[in-house]
Amino acid sequence: MVDAVLILAGAALLAVVLLALSHAALGRPTRRRIAAAACVALVGSLVIAWRISKSTSFQLIGEPITRVATSSRVVALTFDDGPDPRYLDGILDTLRAANVHATFFAIGDELEQHPELGPKIVAAGHELGNHSFTHPRMVLRSLAFMRDEIQRTDDAIRRAGYGGAIQFRPPNGKRLLGLPWVLRELGRSAVLWDVAPDSEDPSTSAAQIVERVRAEVQPGSIVLMHLMGSQRGTSRAALPQVIHELAEQGYRFVTVSELLSLRP
């Protein structure tokens, strides 16, 4: 696997550096020092890989999209996971009442299990994005696995009747080398976010969510919210207030594809 090879290569390089430093300071390395350097190097490369995999501003191939640099007061609301039949209608009603179009990053398996939901999202004028088929962390996976996760979800999105460009967001934002490699092959980018008011703790209160959006949003922001699932009640409660707050600040709501069209 590409990611595993990267980690091992990084560990080998780091081990060589550590042994060189050890040789300069202590003389010829002993077996014990060689073993210690190998362990430290492996742990260090794993920590570095973990930090890279969760970064929203850096990746090893290509550039992740976190926001669009623009002076226009536009913002893209994006919702991850689902769609969930228990909550979708209420979410769509909230968006319809505010005349807001958003981007739903859907899980392909959920679209297949509930084939009536994707067309509802499309009919309401929203964008359907790809959030993988089974929501795995896309690190330490084969390239074939990643391609399959993306393609199967693309197929489910097309069956739902969505005809626009399909944006992709990796589950949990995780990627190392393999996923960016696959995305470059497909001519796609990883769409991430710069405002994520409910990602750290599902129990974050509605008031806290609204306050975080108010404090962090800027022109061209991509806001990530989680509205699907029984544990996301505070996020659903916050949605009308988030929309109201941003509208009061003069923001216009666009889909991710519309936002990307504003890039210089």
C-alpha atoms as a PDB file:
ATOM      1  CA  MET A   1       0.000   0.000   0.000  1.00  0.00           C
ATOM      2  CA  VAL A   2       1.237   3.448  -0.913  1.00  0.00           C
ATOM      3  CA  ASP A   3       0.672   4.918   2.550  1.00  0.00           C
ATOM      4  CA  ALA A   4       2.463   2.028   4.283  1.00  0.00           C
ATOM      5  CA  VAL A   5       5.430   2.333   1.913  1.00  0.00           C
ATOM      6  CA  LEU A   6       5.581   6.057   2.647  1.00  0.00           C
ATOM      7  CA  ILE A   7       5.614   5.448   6.411  1.00  0.00           C
ATOM      8  CA  LEU A   8       8.303   2.758   6.165  1.00  0.00           C
ATOM      9  CA  ALA A   9      10.417   4.905   3.856  1.00  0.00           C
ATOM     10  CA  GLY A  10      10.116   7.809   6.265  1.00  0.00           C
ATOM     11  CA  ALA A  11      11.064   5.551   9.159  1.00  0.00           C
ATOM     12  CA  ALA A  12      14.104   4.265   7.291  1.00  0.00           C
ATOM     13  CA  LEU A  13      15.266   7.778   6.473  1.00  0.00           C
ATOM     14  CA  LEU A  14      14.746   8.956  10.031  1.00  0.00           C
ATOM     15  CA  ALA A  15      16.607   5.910  11.364  1.00  0.00           C
ATOM     16  CA  VAL A  16      19.582   6.705   9.127  1.00  0.00           C
ATOM     17  CA  VAL A  17      19.645  10.274  10.431  1.00  0.00           C
ATOM     18  CA  LEU A  18      19.447   9.103  14.048  1.00  0.00           C
ATOM     19  CA  LEU A  19      22.232   6.570  13.532  1.00  0.00           C
ATOM     20  CA  ALA A  20      24.409   9.184  11.846  1.00  0.00           C
ATOM     21  CA  LEU A  21      23.930  11.519  14.797  1.00  0.00           C
ATOM     22  CA  SER A  22      24.612   8.662  17.201  1.00  0.00           C
ATOM     23  CA  HIS A  23      27.797   7.779  15.350  1.00  0.00           C
ATOM     24  CA  ALA A  24      28.981  11.377  15.481  1.00  0.00           C
ATOM     25  CA  ALA A  25      28.269  11.687  19.200  1.00  0.00           C
ATOM     26  CA  LEU A  26      28.979   8.197  20.565  1.00  0.00           C
ATOM     27  CA  GLY A  27      31.020   6.361  17.976  1.00  0.00           C
ATOM     28  CA  ARG A  28      30.128   3.238  16.075  1.00  0.00           C
ATOM     29  CA  PRO A  29      26.481   2.270  16.778  1.00  0.00           C
ATOM     30  CA  THR A  30      25.859  -0.876  18.780  1.00  0.00           C
ATOM     31  CA  ARG A  31      23.035  -3.304  18.051  1.00  0.00           C
ATOM     32  CA  ARG A  32      21.098  -1.839  20.942  1.00  0.00           C
ATOM     33  CA  ARG A  33      21.420   1.688  19.570  1.00  0.00           C
ATOM     34  CA  ILE A  34      20.457   0.481  16.091  1.00  0.00           C
ATOM     35  CA  ALA A  35      17.306  -1.192  17.499  1.00  0.00           C
ATOM     36  CA  ALA A  36      16.469   1.896  19.545  1.00  0.00           C
ATOM     37  CA  ALA A  37      16.923   4.154  16.514  1.00  0.00           C
ATOM     38  CA  ALA A  38      14.666   1.910  14.439  1.00  0.00           C
ATOM     39  CA  CYS A  39      11.917   1.990  17.089  1.00  0.00           C
ATOM     40  CA  VAL A  40      12.141   5.742  17.546  1.00  0.00           C
ATOM     41  CA  ALA A  41      12.147   6.273  13.786  1.00  0.00           C
ATOM     42  CA  LEU A  42       9.085   4.104  13.254  1.00  0.00           C
ATOM     43  CA  VAL A  43       7.128   5.818  16.022  1.00  0.00           C
ATOM     44  CA  GLY A  44       8.228   9.214  14.740  1.00  0.00           C
ATOM     45  CA  SER A  45       7.185   8.455  11.167  1.00  0.00           C
ATOM     46  CA  LEU A  46       3.798   7.216  12.393  1.00  0.00           C
ATOM     47  CA  VAL A  47       3.262  10.423  14.373  1.00  0.00           C
ATOM     48  CA  ILE A  48       4.252  12.555  11.385  1.00  0.00           C
ATOM     49  CA  ALA A  49       1.960  10.553   9.089  1.00  0.00           C
ATOM     50  CA  TRP A  50      -0.917  10.912  11.566  1.00  0.00           C
ATOM     51  CA  ARG A  51      -0.416  14.664  11.731  1.00  0.00           C
ATOM     52  CA  ILE A  52      -0.328  14.951   7.944  1.00  0.00           C
ATOM     53  CA  SER A  53      -3.416  12.755   7.563  1.00  0.00           C
ATOM     54  CA  LYS A  54      -5.521  15.053   9.753  1.00  0.00           C
ATOM     55  CA  SER A  55      -4.215  18.379   8.450  1.00  0.00           C
ATOM     56  CA  THR A  56      -6.808  20.509   6.670  1.00  0.00           C
ATOM     57  CA  SER A  57      -4.201  22.784   5.127  1.00  0.00           C
ATOM     58  CA  PHE A  58      -1.532  20.413   3.787  1.00  0.00           C
ATOM     59  CA  GLN A  59      -1.318  17.201   1.808  1.00  0.00           C
ATOM     60  CA  LEU A  60       1.509  15.471  -0.025  1.00  0.00           C
ATOM     61  CA  ILE A  61       0.015  15.661  -3.531  1.00  0.00           C
ATOM     62  CA  GLY A  62      -2.176  18.534  -4.679  1.00  0.00           C
ATOM     63  CA  GLU A  63      -3.896  21.025  -2.412  1.00  0.00           C
ATOM     64  CA  PRO A  64      -6.946  20.439  -0.236  1.00  0.00           C
ATOM     65  CA  ILE A  65      -9.757  22.955  -0.605  1.00  0.00           C
ATOM     66  CA  THR A  66     -10.676  24.559   2.705  1.00  0.00           C
ATOM     67  CA  ARG A  67     -12.127  27.851   1.481  1.00  0.00           C
ATOM     68  CA  VAL A  68     -12.054  30.125  -1.544  1.00  0.00           C
ATOM     69  CA  ALA A  69     -10.193  33.416  -1.418  1.00  0.00           C
ATOM     70  CA  THR A  70     -12.810  35.975  -2.377  1.00  0.00           C
ATOM     71  CA  SER A  71     -14.000  39.370  -1.225  1.00  0.00           C
ATOM     72  CA  SER A  72     -17.628  38.399  -1.884  1.00  0.00           C
ATOM     73  CA  ARG A  73     -19.621  37.575   1.216  1.00  0.00           C
ATOM     74  CA  VAL A  74     -20.496  34.040   0.183  1.00  0.00           C
ATOM     75  CA  VAL A  75     -20.425  30.873   2.250  1.00  0.00           C
ATOM     76  CA  ALA A  76     -20.996  27.194   1.489  1.00  0.00           C
ATOM     77  CA  LEU A  77     -22.954  25.168   4.028  1.00  0.00           C
ATOM     78  CA  THR A  78     -21.989  21.489   3.841  1.00  0.00           C
ATOM     79  CA  PHE A  79     -23.445  18.514   5.663  1.00  0.00           C
ATOM     80  CA  ASP A  80     -21.624  15.202   6.102  1.00  0.00           C
ATOM     81  CA  ASP A  81     -22.967  11.647   6.345  1.00  0.00           C
ATOM     82  CA  GLY A  82     -26.345  10.096   5.681  1.00  0.00           C
ATOM     83  CA  PRO A  83     -28.782  10.891   4.283  1.00  0.00           C
ATOM     84  CA  ASP A  84     -30.863   9.732   7.226  1.00  0.00           C
ATOM     85  CA  PRO A  85     -34.582   9.177   6.543  1.00  0.00           C
ATOM     86  CA  ARG A  86     -35.454  10.227  10.093  1.00  0.00           C
ATOM     87  CA  TYR A  87     -34.131  13.749   9.686  1.00  0.00           C
ATOM     88  CA  LEU A  88     -33.756  14.658   6.016  1.00  0.00           C
ATOM     89  CA  ASP A  89     -37.233  16.096   5.499  1.00  0.00           C
ATOM     90  CA  GLY A  90     -36.857  18.452   8.456  1.00  0.00           C
ATOM     91  CA  ILE A  91     -33.461  19.621   7.221  1.00  0.00           C
ATOM     92  CA  LEU A  92     -34.818  20.220   3.723  1.00  0.00           C
ATOM     93  CA  ASP A  93     -37.769  22.142   5.180  1.00  0.00           C
ATOM     94  CA  THR A  94     -35.387  24.390   7.138  1.00  0.00           C
ATOM     95  CA  LEU A  95     -33.312  25.108   4.034  1.00  0.00           C
ATOM     96  CA  ARG A  96     -36.383  25.654   1.868  1.00  0.00           C
ATOM     97  CA  ALA A  97     -37.880  28.136   4.357  1.00  0.00           C
ATOM     98  CA  ALA A  98     -34.657  30.159   4.270  1.00  0.00           C
ATOM     99  CA  ASN A  99     -34.193  29.797   0.499  1.00  0.00           C
ATOM    100  CA  VAL A 100     -30.747  28.282   1.061  1.00  0.00           C
ATOM    101  CA  HIS A 101     -29.002  25.738  -1.134  1.00  0.00           C
ATOM    102  CA  ALA A 102     -26.335  23.551   0.467  1.00  0.00           C
ATOM    103  CA  THR A 103     -24.033  20.647  -0.328  1.00  0.00           C
ATOM    104  CA  PHE A 104     -24.805  17.222   1.116  1.00  0.00           C
ATOM    105  CA  PHE A 105     -21.723  14.993   1.251  1.00  0.00           C
ATOM    106  CA  ALA A 106     -23.540  11.669   1.200  1.00  0.00           C
ATOM    107  CA  ILE A 107     -22.382   8.144   1.959  1.00  0.00           C
ATOM    108  CA  GLY A 108     -22.956   5.891  -1.046  1.00  0.00           C
ATOM    109  CA  ASP A 109     -24.225   2.951   0.985  1.00  0.00           C
ATOM    110  CA  GLU A 110     -26.841   5.179   2.637  1.00  0.00           C
ATOM    111  CA  LEU A 111     -27.991   6.407  -0.771  1.00  0.00           C
ATOM    112  CA  GLU A 112     -28.399   2.804  -1.891  1.00  0.00           C
ATOM    113  CA  GLN A 113     -30.227   1.755   1.263  1.00  0.00           C
ATOM    114  CA  HIS A 114     -32.631   4.701   0.955  1.00  0.00           C
ATOM    115  CA  PRO A 115     -32.940   5.330  -2.796  1.00  0.00           C
ATOM    116  CA  GLU A 116     -35.775   7.811  -2.292  1.00  0.00           C
ATOM    117  CA  LEU A 117     -33.621  10.291  -0.359  1.00  0.00           C
ATOM    118  CA  GLY A 118     -31.037  11.288  -2.949  1.00  0.00           C
ATOM    119  CA  PRO A 119     -33.689  12.426  -5.443  1.00  0.00           C
ATOM    120  CA  LYS A 120     -35.320  14.524  -2.688  1.00  0.00           C
ATOM    121  CA  ILE A 121     -32.048  16.379  -2.142  1.00  0.00           C
ATOM    122  CA  VAL A 122     -31.575  16.911  -5.871  1.00  0.00           C
ATOM    123  CA  ALA A 123     -35.184  17.996  -6.437  1.00  0.00           C
ATOM    124  CA  ALA A 124     -34.793  20.643  -3.730  1.00  0.00           C
ATOM    125  CA  GLY A 125     -31.898  22.172  -5.669  1.00  0.00           C
ATOM    126  CA  HIS A 126     -29.057  21.050  -3.431  1.00  0.00           C
ATOM    127  CA  GLU A 127     -25.699  19.610  -4.407  1.00  0.00           C
ATOM    128  CA  LEU A 128     -24.897  15.942  -3.794  1.00  0.00           C
ATOM    129  CA  GLY A 129     -21.261  15.324  -2.906  1.00  0.00           C
ATOM    130  CA  ASN A 130     -19.279  12.112  -2.474  1.00  0.00           C
ATOM    131  CA  HIS A 131     -18.327  11.103   1.080  1.00  0.00           C
ATOM    132  CA  SER A 132     -17.183   7.567   0.141  1.00  0.00           C
ATOM    133  CA  PHE A 133     -19.313   4.426   0.043  1.00  0.00           C
ATOM    134  CA  THR A 134     -18.779   2.966   3.521  1.00  0.00           C
ATOM    135  CA  HIS A 135     -17.122   5.911   5.339  1.00  0.00           C
ATOM    136  CA  PRO A 136     -13.707   4.312   6.012  1.00  0.00           C
ATOM    137  CA  ARG A 137     -10.639   6.282   6.958  1.00  0.00           C
ATOM    138  CA  MET A 138      -8.832   6.551   3.631  1.00  0.00           C
ATOM    139  CA  VAL A 139      -5.329   5.855   4.913  1.00  0.00           C
ATOM    140  CA  LEU A 140      -3.391   2.584   4.783  1.00  0.00           C
ATOM    141  CA  ARG A 141      -5.803   1.333   2.123  1.00  0.00           C
ATOM    142  CA  SER A 142      -5.072   0.046  -1.348  1.00  0.00           C
ATOM    143  CA  LEU A 143      -5.488   2.384  -4.302  1.00  0.00           C
ATOM    144  CA  ALA A 144      -8.037  -0.047  -5.757  1.00  0.00           C
ATOM    145  CA  PHE A 145     -10.090   0.145  -2.551  1.00  0.00           C
ATOM    146  CA  MET A 146     -10.100   3.936  -2.640  1.00  0.00           C
ATOM    147  CA  ARG A 147     -11.071   4.057  -6.311  1.00  0.00           C
ATOM    148  CA  ASP A 148     -13.927   1.644  -5.633  1.00  0.00           C
ATOM    149  CA  GLU A 149     -15.224   3.675  -2.682  1.00  0.00           C
ATOM    150  CA  ILE A 150     -15.296   6.807  -4.824  1.00  0.00           C
ATOM    151  CA  GLN A 151     -16.720   5.221  -7.971  1.00  0.00           C
ATOM    152  CA  ARG A 152     -19.528   3.329  -6.243  1.00  0.00           C
ATOM    153  CA  THR A 153     -20.644   6.531  -4.550  1.00  0.00           C
ATOM    154  CA  ASP A 154     -20.431   8.482  -7.804  1.00  0.00           C
ATOM    155  CA  ASP A 155     -22.689   5.846  -9.353  1.00  0.00           C
ATOM    156  CA  ALA A 156     -25.209   6.151  -6.506  1.00  0.00           C
ATOM    157  CA  ILE A 157     -25.211   9.934  -6.882  1.00  0.00           C
ATOM    158  CA  ARG A 158     -25.891   9.688 -10.613  1.00  0.00           C
ATOM    159  CA  ARG A 159     -28.717   7.221  -9.967  1.00  0.00           C
ATOM    160  CA  ALA A 160     -30.218   9.835  -7.622  1.00  0.00           C
ATOM    161  CA  GLY A 161     -30.479  12.166 -10.603  1.00  0.00           C
ATOM    162  CA  TYR A 162     -27.696  14.590  -9.789  1.00  0.00           C
ATOM    163  CA  GLY A 163     -26.005  15.790 -12.964  1.00  0.00           C
ATOM    164  CA  GLY A 164     -23.475  18.367 -11.798  1.00  0.00           C
ATOM    165  CA  ALA A 165     -19.815  18.036 -10.904  1.00  0.00           C
ATOM    166  CA  ILE A 166     -19.397  15.621  -8.007  1.00  0.00           C
ATOM    167  CA  GLN A 167     -17.239  17.071  -5.242  1.00  0.00           C
ATOM    168  CA  PHE A 168     -15.425  14.680  -2.905  1.00  0.00           C
ATOM    169  CA  ARG A 169     -14.801  14.902   0.831  1.00  0.00           C
ATOM    170  CA  PRO A 170     -12.764  12.169   2.538  1.00  0.00           C
ATOM    171  CA  PRO A 171     -14.290  10.649   5.677  1.00  0.00           C
ATOM    172  CA  ASN A 172     -13.043  12.551   8.722  1.00  0.00           C
ATOM    173  CA  GLY A 173     -10.869  14.534   6.296  1.00  0.00           C
ATOM    174  CA  LYS A 174      -8.232  11.787   6.545  1.00  0.00           C
ATOM    175  CA  ARG A 175      -5.754  11.326   3.718  1.00  0.00           C
ATOM    176  CA  LEU A 176      -2.050  10.659   3.425  1.00  0.00           C
ATOM    177  CA  LEU A 177      -0.452   9.855   0.056  1.00  0.00           C
ATOM    178  CA  GLY A 178      -2.678   7.179  -1.478  1.00  0.00           C
ATOM    179  CA  LEU A 179      -5.929   9.143  -1.573  1.00  0.00           C
ATOM    180  CA  PRO A 180      -4.407  12.348  -3.017  1.00  0.00           C
ATOM    181  CA  TRP A 181      -2.747  10.121  -5.634  1.00  0.00           C
ATOM    182  CA  VAL A 182      -6.126   8.620  -6.604  1.00  0.00           C
ATOM    183  CA  LEU A 183      -7.821  12.023  -6.616  1.00  0.00           C
ATOM    184  CA  ARG A 184      -5.170  13.403  -8.943  1.00  0.00           C
ATOM    185  CA  GLU A 185      -5.779  10.459 -11.289  1.00  0.00           C
ATOM    186  CA  LEU A 186      -9.488  11.262 -11.276  1.00  0.00           C
ATOM    187  CA  GLY A 187      -9.006  15.007 -11.690  1.00  0.00           C
ATOM    188  CA  ARG A 188     -10.620  15.640  -8.303  1.00  0.00           C
ATOM    189  CA  SER A 189      -9.725  17.547  -5.159  1.00  0.00           C
ATOM    190  CA  ALA A 190     -10.341  16.889  -1.481  1.00  0.00           C
ATOM    191  CA  VAL A 191     -12.965  19.386  -0.341  1.00  0.00           C
ATOM    192  CA  LEU A 192     -12.448  20.052   3.355  1.00  0.00           C
ATOM    193  CA  TRP A 193     -13.551  23.060   5.441  1.00  0.00           C
ATOM    194  CA  ASP A 194     -12.351  26.023   7.443  1.00  0.00           C
ATOM    195  CA  VAL A 195     -15.255  26.154   9.909  1.00  0.00           C
ATOM    196  CA  ALA A 196     -16.345  22.982  11.731  1.00  0.00           C
ATOM    197  CA  PRO A 197     -18.387  24.012  14.764  1.00  0.00           C
ATOM    198  CA  ASP A 198     -19.664  20.577  15.794  1.00  0.00           C
ATOM    199  CA  SER A 199     -16.872  18.186  14.762  1.00  0.00           C
ATOM    200  CA  GLU A 200     -14.958  17.891  18.021  1.00  0.00           C
ATOM    201  CA  ASP A 201     -17.896  17.015  20.258  1.00  0.00           C
ATOM    202  CA  PRO A 202     -21.379  15.874  19.140  1.00  0.00           C
ATOM    203  CA  SER A 203     -22.802  17.240  22.405  1.00  0.00           C
ATOM    204  CA  THR A 204     -21.738  20.814  21.610  1.00  0.00           C
ATOM    205  CA  SER A 205     -24.727  23.032  22.339  1.00  0.00           C
ATOM    206  CA  ALA A 206     -26.644  24.850  19.631  1.00  0.00           C
ATOM    207  CA  ALA A 207     -25.549  28.183  21.097  1.00  0.00           C
ATOM    208  CA  GLN A 208     -21.894  27.132  21.007  1.00  0.00           C
ATOM    209  CA  ILE A 209     -22.234  26.014  17.384  1.00  0.00           C
ATOM    210  CA  VAL A 210     -23.745  29.354  16.369  1.00  0.00           C
ATOM    211  CA  GLU A 211     -21.057  31.267  18.262  1.00  0.00           C
ATOM    212  CA  ARG A 212     -18.254  29.299  16.613  1.00  0.00           C
ATOM    213  CA  VAL A 213     -19.674  29.972  13.165  1.00  0.00           C
ATOM    214  CA  ARG A 214     -20.058  33.671  13.999  1.00  0.00           C
ATOM    215  CA  ALA A 215     -16.454  33.887  15.208  1.00  0.00           C
ATOM    216  CA  GLU A 216     -14.757  31.857  12.474  1.00  0.00           C
ATOM    217  CA  VAL A 217     -16.625  32.394   9.200  1.00  0.00           C
ATOM    218  CA  GLN A 218     -15.160  34.669   6.538  1.00  0.00           C
ATOM    219  CA  PRO A 219     -15.906  35.354   2.871  1.00  0.00           C
ATOM    220  CA  GLY A 220     -15.458  32.115   0.914  1.00  0.00           C
ATOM    221  CA  SER A 221     -15.737  29.837   3.951  1.00  0.00           C
ATOM    222  CA  ILE A 222     -16.803  26.216   3.773  1.00  0.00           C
ATOM    223  CA  VAL A 223     -18.800  25.334   6.886  1.00  0.00           C
ATOM    224  CA  LEU A 224     -19.008  21.685   7.907  1.00  0.00           C
ATOM    225  CA  MET A 225     -21.947  20.514  10.023  1.00  0.00           C
ATOM    226  CA  HIS A 226     -23.201  17.070  10.990  1.00  0.00           C
ATOM    227  CA  LEU A 227     -26.993  16.887  10.924  1.00  0.00           C
ATOM    228  CA  MET A 228     -27.620  13.169  10.433  1.00  0.00           C
ATOM    229  CA  GLY A 229     -27.932  10.685  13.293  1.00  0.00           C
ATOM    230  CA  SER A 230     -29.726  10.667  16.613  1.00  0.00           C
ATOM    231  CA  GLN A 231     -26.764  12.201  18.478  1.00  0.00           C
ATOM    232  CA  ARG A 232     -26.800  15.335  16.306  1.00  0.00           C
ATOM    233  CA  GLY A 233     -29.888  17.014  17.705  1.00  0.00           C
ATOM    234  CA  THR A 234     -28.042  20.151  18.813  1.00  0.00           C
ATOM    235  CA  SER A 235     -26.592  20.598  15.316  1.00  0.00           C
ATOM    236  CA  ARG A 236     -30.041  20.346  13.739  1.00  0.00           C
ATOM    237  CA  ALA A 237     -31.358  22.817  16.303  1.00  0.00           C
ATOM    238  CA  ALA A 238     -28.502  25.188  15.480  1.00  0.00           C
ATOM    239  CA  LEU A 239     -29.023  25.135  11.704  1.00  0.00           C
ATOM    240  CA  PRO A 240     -31.808  27.784  11.514  1.00  0.00           C
ATOM    241  CA  GLN A 241     -29.823  30.017  13.866  1.00  0.00           C
ATOM    242  CA  VAL A 242     -26.624  29.571  11.843  1.00  0.00           C
ATOM    243  CA  ILE A 243     -28.472  30.546   8.666  1.00  0.00           C
ATOM    244  CA  HIS A 244     -30.063  33.549  10.365  1.00  0.00           C
ATOM    245  CA  GLU A 245     -26.746  34.703  11.824  1.00  0.00           C
ATOM    246  CA  LEU A 246     -24.910  34.463   8.505  1.00  0.00           C
ATOM    247  CA  ALA A 247     -27.729  36.166   6.631  1.00  0.00           C
ATOM    248  CA  GLU A 248     -27.659  38.983   9.189  1.00  0.00           C
ATOM    249  CA  GLN A 249     -23.957  39.392   8.418  1.00  0.00           C
ATOM    250  CA  GLY A 250     -24.805  39.756   4.744  1.00  0.00           C
ATOM    251  CA  TYR A 251     -23.673  36.350   3.553  1.00  0.00           C
ATOM    252  CA  ARG A 252     -25.119  34.664   0.483  1.00  0.00           C
ATOM    253  CA  PHE A 253     -25.359  30.880   0.545  1.00  0.00           C
ATOM    254  CA  VAL A 254     -23.902  28.855  -2.335  1.00  0.00           C
ATOM    255  CA  THR A 255     -23.070  25.231  -3.041  1.00  0.00           C
ATOM    256  CA  VAL A 256     -19.455  24.077  -3.033  1.00  0.00           C
ATOM    257  CA  SER A 257     -19.360  23.951  -6.841  1.00  0.00           C
ATOM    258  CA  GLU A 258     -20.735  27.490  -7.024  1.00  0.00           C
ATOM    259  CA  LEU A 259     -18.139  28.605  -4.505  1.00  0.00           C
ATOM    260  CA  LEU A 260     -15.317  26.978  -6.484  1.00  0.00           C
ATOM    261  CA  SER A 261     -16.447  28.808  -9.608  1.00  0.00           C
ATOM    262  CA  LEU A 262     -15.458  32.046  -7.845  1.00  0.00           C
ATOM    263  CA  ARG A 263     -11.808  31.066  -7.530  1.00  0.00           C
ATOM    264  CA  PRO A 264      -9.472  33.585  -9.171  1.00  0.00           C
END
